[in-house]
Amino acid sequence: MAKRNSKTAAQQCRFYEVDNIFEYMVETYINGNFGTFREIYKELCKDARKDFIDFLLSEVEPIYWREILKETI
């Protein structure tokens, strides 16, 4: 499969067939699929990555923030 780079959140939602790619990413991480999480994060464009961080800090329980943020670096 070809590498997917610089995709918007909407493009990722269509590709992965989900309503909210950010929720999907958090669920993927919580379920222990760290490699898949990193792959999806790297596929996002810069603006979508910023939007994901905003989503993380506003919608996700604080106990996961540190772990997920470490995976994004």
N, C-alpha and C. Protein backbone atom coordinates (compact mmCIF):
# COMPACT_ATOMS: atom_id res chain seq x y z
N MET A 1 0.84 -1.18 0.00
CA MET A 1 0.00 0.00 0.00
C MET A 1 0.88 1.24 0.00
N ALA A 2 0.49 2.23 -0.75
CA ALA A 2 1.25 3.47 -0.84
C ALA A 2 1.15 4.25 0.46
N LYS A 3 2.19 5.02 0.74
CA LYS A 3 2.17 5.84 1.95
C LYS A 3 1.18 6.97 1.78
N ARG A 4 0.50 7.26 2.87
CA ARG A 4 -0.46 8.36 2.90
C ARG A 4 0.16 9.47 3.71
N ASN A 5 0.34 10.64 3.12
CA ASN A 5 0.94 11.78 3.80
C ASN A 5 0.09 13.01 3.64
N SER A 6 0.14 13.88 4.63
CA SER A 6 -0.52 15.19 4.60
C SER A 6 -2.00 15.10 4.27
N LYS A 7 -2.70 14.23 4.97
CA LYS A 7 -4.14 14.09 4.75
C LYS A 7 -4.90 14.90 5.79
N THR A 8 -6.01 15.45 5.38
CA THR A 8 -6.86 16.19 6.30
C THR A 8 -7.66 15.20 7.15
N ALA A 9 -8.27 15.71 8.20
CA ALA A 9 -9.08 14.86 9.07
C ALA A 9 -10.25 14.27 8.28
N ALA A 10 -10.85 15.07 7.41
CA ALA A 10 -11.99 14.58 6.61
C ALA A 10 -11.56 13.45 5.68
N GLN A 11 -10.40 13.58 5.06
CA GLN A 11 -9.89 12.53 4.18
C GLN A 11 -9.63 11.25 4.97
N GLN A 12 -9.09 11.40 6.17
CA GLN A 12 -8.82 10.23 7.00
C GLN A 12 -10.12 9.57 7.45
N CYS A 13 -11.13 10.35 7.75
CA CYS A 13 -12.43 9.79 8.13
C CYS A 13 -12.99 8.93 7.01
N ARG A 14 -12.91 9.43 5.80
CA ARG A 14 -13.41 8.66 4.66
C ARG A 14 -12.58 7.40 4.44
N PHE A 15 -11.26 7.51 4.53
CA PHE A 15 -10.38 6.38 4.27
C PHE A 15 -10.58 5.27 5.31
N TYR A 16 -10.66 5.64 6.57
CA TYR A 16 -10.82 4.65 7.64
C TYR A 16 -12.29 4.34 7.95
N GLU A 17 -13.20 4.99 7.24
CA GLU A 17 -14.64 4.78 7.36
C GLU A 17 -15.12 4.96 8.80
N VAL A 18 -14.77 6.11 9.38
CA VAL A 18 -15.20 6.47 10.73
C VAL A 18 -15.81 7.86 10.71
N ASP A 19 -16.60 8.18 11.73
CA ASP A 19 -17.23 9.50 11.81
C ASP A 19 -16.25 10.56 12.31
N ASN A 20 -15.38 10.18 13.24
CA ASN A 20 -14.43 11.13 13.81
C ASN A 20 -13.07 10.45 13.93
N ILE A 21 -12.13 10.86 13.12
CA ILE A 21 -10.81 10.21 13.10
C ILE A 21 -10.08 10.41 14.42
N PHE A 22 -10.30 11.52 15.08
CA PHE A 22 -9.61 11.78 16.34
C PHE A 22 -10.08 10.82 17.43
N GLU A 23 -11.39 10.57 17.51
CA GLU A 23 -11.91 9.58 18.46
C GLU A 23 -11.35 8.20 18.14
N TYR A 24 -11.31 7.88 16.86
CA TYR A 24 -10.77 6.59 16.43
C TYR A 24 -9.31 6.45 16.85
N MET A 25 -8.54 7.51 16.71
CA MET A 25 -7.13 7.46 17.09
C MET A 25 -6.97 7.22 18.59
N VAL A 26 -7.77 7.91 19.40
CA VAL A 26 -7.70 7.74 20.85
C VAL A 26 -8.10 6.31 21.23
N GLU A 27 -9.17 5.81 20.64
CA GLU A 27 -9.60 4.44 20.92
C GLU A 27 -8.54 3.43 20.51
N THR A 28 -7.89 3.68 19.38
CA THR A 28 -6.82 2.81 18.92
C THR A 28 -5.69 2.78 19.93
N TYR A 29 -5.32 3.93 20.44
CA TYR A 29 -4.25 4.00 21.44
C TYR A 29 -4.65 3.28 22.72
N ILE A 30 -5.85 3.56 23.22
CA ILE A 30 -6.31 2.96 24.47
C ILE A 30 -6.38 1.44 24.35
N ASN A 31 -6.71 0.94 23.16
CA ASN A 31 -6.78 -0.50 22.94
C ASN A 31 -5.42 -1.15 22.77
N GLY A 32 -4.35 -0.35 22.81
CA GLY A 32 -3.01 -0.90 22.77
C GLY A 32 -2.39 -1.02 21.40
N ASN A 33 -3.02 -0.45 20.39
CA ASN A 33 -2.49 -0.50 19.03
C ASN A 33 -1.62 0.73 18.77
N PHE A 34 -0.48 0.79 19.45
CA PHE A 34 0.37 1.98 19.41
C PHE A 34 0.95 2.22 18.02
N GLY A 35 1.33 1.17 17.32
CA GLY A 35 1.89 1.32 15.98
C GLY A 35 0.87 1.90 15.02
N THR A 36 -0.35 1.42 15.09
CA THR A 36 -1.42 1.94 14.24
C THR A 36 -1.69 3.40 14.56
N PHE A 37 -1.69 3.74 15.85
CA PHE A 37 -1.90 5.13 16.26
C PHE A 37 -0.83 6.02 15.65
N ARG A 38 0.44 5.62 15.79
CA ARG A 38 1.54 6.43 15.25
C ARG A 38 1.43 6.58 13.74
N GLU A 39 1.05 5.50 13.07
CA GLU A 39 0.91 5.54 11.60
C GLU A 39 -0.16 6.53 11.18
N ILE A 40 -1.31 6.47 11.83
CA ILE A 40 -2.40 7.39 11.49
C ILE A 40 -2.01 8.83 11.80
N TYR A 41 -1.35 9.05 12.94
CA TYR A 41 -0.92 10.40 13.30
C TYR A 41 0.04 10.96 12.26
N LYS A 42 0.98 10.15 11.81
CA LYS A 42 1.96 10.62 10.83
C LYS A 42 1.33 10.91 9.47
N GLU A 43 0.19 10.30 9.19
CA GLU A 43 -0.50 10.53 7.93
C GLU A 43 -1.20 11.89 7.90
N LEU A 44 -1.46 12.46 9.05
CA LEU A 44 -2.18 13.74 9.12
C LEU A 44 -1.32 14.91 8.67
N CYS A 45 -1.97 15.90 8.08
CA CYS A 45 -1.28 17.13 7.73
C CYS A 45 -1.04 17.94 9.01
N LYS A 46 -0.23 18.97 8.92
CA LYS A 46 0.15 19.77 10.09
C LYS A 46 -1.07 20.35 10.81
N ASP A 47 -2.01 20.90 10.07
CA ASP A 47 -3.20 21.49 10.69
C ASP A 47 -4.05 20.43 11.40
N ALA A 48 -4.18 19.27 10.78
CA ALA A 48 -4.96 18.19 11.39
C ALA A 48 -4.28 17.68 12.66
N ARG A 49 -2.94 17.68 12.67
CA ARG A 49 -2.22 17.28 13.89
C ARG A 49 -2.51 18.26 15.02
N LYS A 50 -2.51 19.54 14.71
CA LYS A 50 -2.83 20.56 15.71
C LYS A 50 -4.26 20.38 16.21
N ASP A 51 -5.18 20.10 15.30
CA ASP A 51 -6.58 19.87 15.68
C ASP A 51 -6.70 18.64 16.58
N PHE A 52 -5.90 17.62 16.30
CA PHE A 52 -5.93 16.42 17.14
C PHE A 52 -5.48 16.75 18.56
N ILE A 53 -4.43 17.54 18.70
CA ILE A 53 -3.94 17.92 20.03
C ILE A 53 -5.02 18.72 20.76
N ASP A 54 -5.69 19.64 20.07
CA ASP A 54 -6.80 20.39 20.67
C ASP A 54 -7.90 19.44 21.13
N PHE A 55 -8.24 18.48 20.28
CA PHE A 55 -9.26 17.49 20.62
C PHE A 55 -8.82 16.70 21.86
N LEU A 56 -7.59 16.28 21.86
CA LEU A 56 -7.05 15.48 22.96
C LEU A 56 -7.20 16.23 24.29
N LEU A 57 -6.80 17.48 24.30
CA LEU A 57 -6.82 18.25 25.54
C LEU A 57 -8.21 18.68 25.98
N SER A 58 -9.16 18.71 25.06
CA SER A 58 -10.50 19.16 25.42
C SER A 58 -11.51 18.03 25.60
N GLU A 59 -11.29 16.90 24.94
CA GLU A 59 -12.30 15.84 24.93
C GLU A 59 -11.88 14.54 25.60
N VAL A 60 -10.60 14.34 25.83
CA VAL A 60 -10.10 13.07 26.35
C VAL A 60 -9.77 13.23 27.83
N GLU A 61 -9.97 12.16 28.59
CA GLU A 61 -9.67 12.19 30.01
C GLU A 61 -8.19 12.49 30.24
N PRO A 62 -7.90 13.34 31.22
CA PRO A 62 -6.51 13.75 31.47
C PRO A 62 -5.53 12.60 31.75
N ILE A 63 -6.01 11.47 32.23
CA ILE A 63 -5.08 10.37 32.53
C ILE A 63 -4.38 9.84 31.28
N TYR A 64 -4.95 10.09 30.10
CA TYR A 64 -4.36 9.61 28.86
C TYR A 64 -3.48 10.65 28.16
N TRP A 65 -3.60 11.91 28.56
CA TRP A 65 -2.90 12.99 27.85
C TRP A 65 -1.40 12.73 27.73
N ARG A 66 -0.74 12.48 28.82
CA ARG A 66 0.72 12.34 28.82
C ARG A 66 1.16 11.19 27.90
N GLU A 67 0.51 10.05 28.04
CA GLU A 67 0.89 8.88 27.23
C GLU A 67 0.70 9.15 25.74
N ILE A 68 -0.46 9.70 25.39
CA ILE A 68 -0.75 9.94 23.98
C ILE A 68 0.17 11.02 23.42
N LEU A 69 0.40 12.07 24.18
CA LEU A 69 1.31 13.12 23.70
C LEU A 69 2.72 12.59 23.46
N LYS A 70 3.18 11.69 24.31
CA LYS A 70 4.50 11.09 24.10
C LYS A 70 4.55 10.31 22.79
N GLU A 71 3.47 9.66 22.44
CA GLU A 71 3.43 8.89 21.18
C GLU A 71 3.42 9.79 19.96
N THR A 72 2.98 11.04 20.11
CA THR A 72 2.91 11.93 18.95
C THR A 72 4.25 12.58 18.65
N ILE A 73 5.17 12.51 19.59
CA ILE A 73 6.48 13.16 19.41
C ILE A 73 7.41 12.21 18.67
